[in-house]
Amino acid sequence: MPVFGFLIACISCLEGPSGSAQSGREHTTSGIVQSIFVVTPACYATTLPDPTKFNKLS
């Protein structure tokens, strides 16, 4: 979904590398970890089943 790509792009822009190579690696790793923690719940939230579509067992 394009929404997940947008979330990853926003986080990557906020955590973009700056300064030395070591700083770039740290910012990149931080951006990846943050993306995982944002995209995983977003994916879960978009795939929740609709409870009105379940048949009730009697």
Protein backbone atom coordinates (compact mmCIF):
# COMPACT_ATOMS: atom_id res chain seq x y z
CA MET A 1 0.00 0.00 0.00
CA PRO A 2 1.28 3.47 -0.76
CA VAL A 3 0.48 4.58 2.79
CA PHE A 4 3.25 2.39 4.21
CA GLY A 5 5.75 3.77 1.72
CA PHE A 6 4.73 7.28 2.69
CA LEU A 7 5.24 6.49 6.39
CA ILE A 8 8.68 5.03 5.73
CA ALA A 9 9.64 8.02 3.55
CA CYS A 10 8.56 10.50 6.24
CA ILE A 11 10.53 8.71 8.94
CA SER A 12 13.56 8.41 6.67
CA CYS A 13 13.48 12.13 5.92
CA LEU A 14 13.27 12.98 9.61
CA GLU A 15 16.11 10.57 10.47
CA GLY A 16 18.20 11.38 7.40
CA PRO A 17 21.95 11.00 7.67
CA SER A 18 23.98 14.07 8.42
CA GLY A 19 27.59 14.61 9.35
CA SER A 20 30.07 11.73 9.50
CA ALA A 21 29.68 8.20 8.16
CA GLN A 22 29.20 6.88 11.70
CA SER A 23 26.40 9.37 12.27
CA GLY A 24 24.83 8.32 8.96
CA ARG A 25 24.84 4.67 9.99
CA GLU A 26 23.26 5.49 13.35
CA HIS A 27 20.53 7.63 11.77
CA THR A 28 19.82 4.98 9.13
CA THR A 29 19.52 2.23 11.74
CA SER A 30 17.30 4.44 13.88
CA GLY A 31 15.08 5.21 10.89
CA ILE A 32 14.71 1.53 10.04
CA VAL A 33 13.77 0.61 13.61
CA GLN A 34 11.28 3.46 13.83
CA SER A 35 9.76 2.43 10.49
CA ILE A 36 9.27 -1.13 11.74
CA PHE A 37 7.50 0.10 14.86
CA VAL A 38 5.25 2.43 12.85
CA VAL A 39 4.45 0.21 9.85
CA THR A 40 3.72 -2.97 11.84
CA PRO A 41 0.81 -1.48 13.85
CA ALA A 42 -0.40 0.41 10.77
CA CYS A 43 -0.50 -2.84 8.80
CA TYR A 44 -2.32 -4.58 11.64
CA ALA A 45 -4.84 -1.75 11.88
CA THR A 46 -5.61 -1.88 8.16
CA THR A 47 -6.17 -5.65 8.15
CA LEU A 48 -8.50 -5.98 11.14
CA PRO A 49 -11.53 -8.08 10.26
CA ASP A 50 -14.97 -6.53 10.17
CA PRO A 51 -16.85 -7.99 13.17
CA THR A 52 -20.23 -7.44 11.49
CA LYS A 53 -19.37 -10.01 8.80
CA PHE A 54 -18.99 -12.93 11.22
CA ASN A 55 -21.88 -15.32 11.66
CA LYS A 56 -22.77 -15.89 15.27
CA LEU A 57 -22.70 -19.53 16.31
CA SER A 58 -25.83 -20.63 18.13
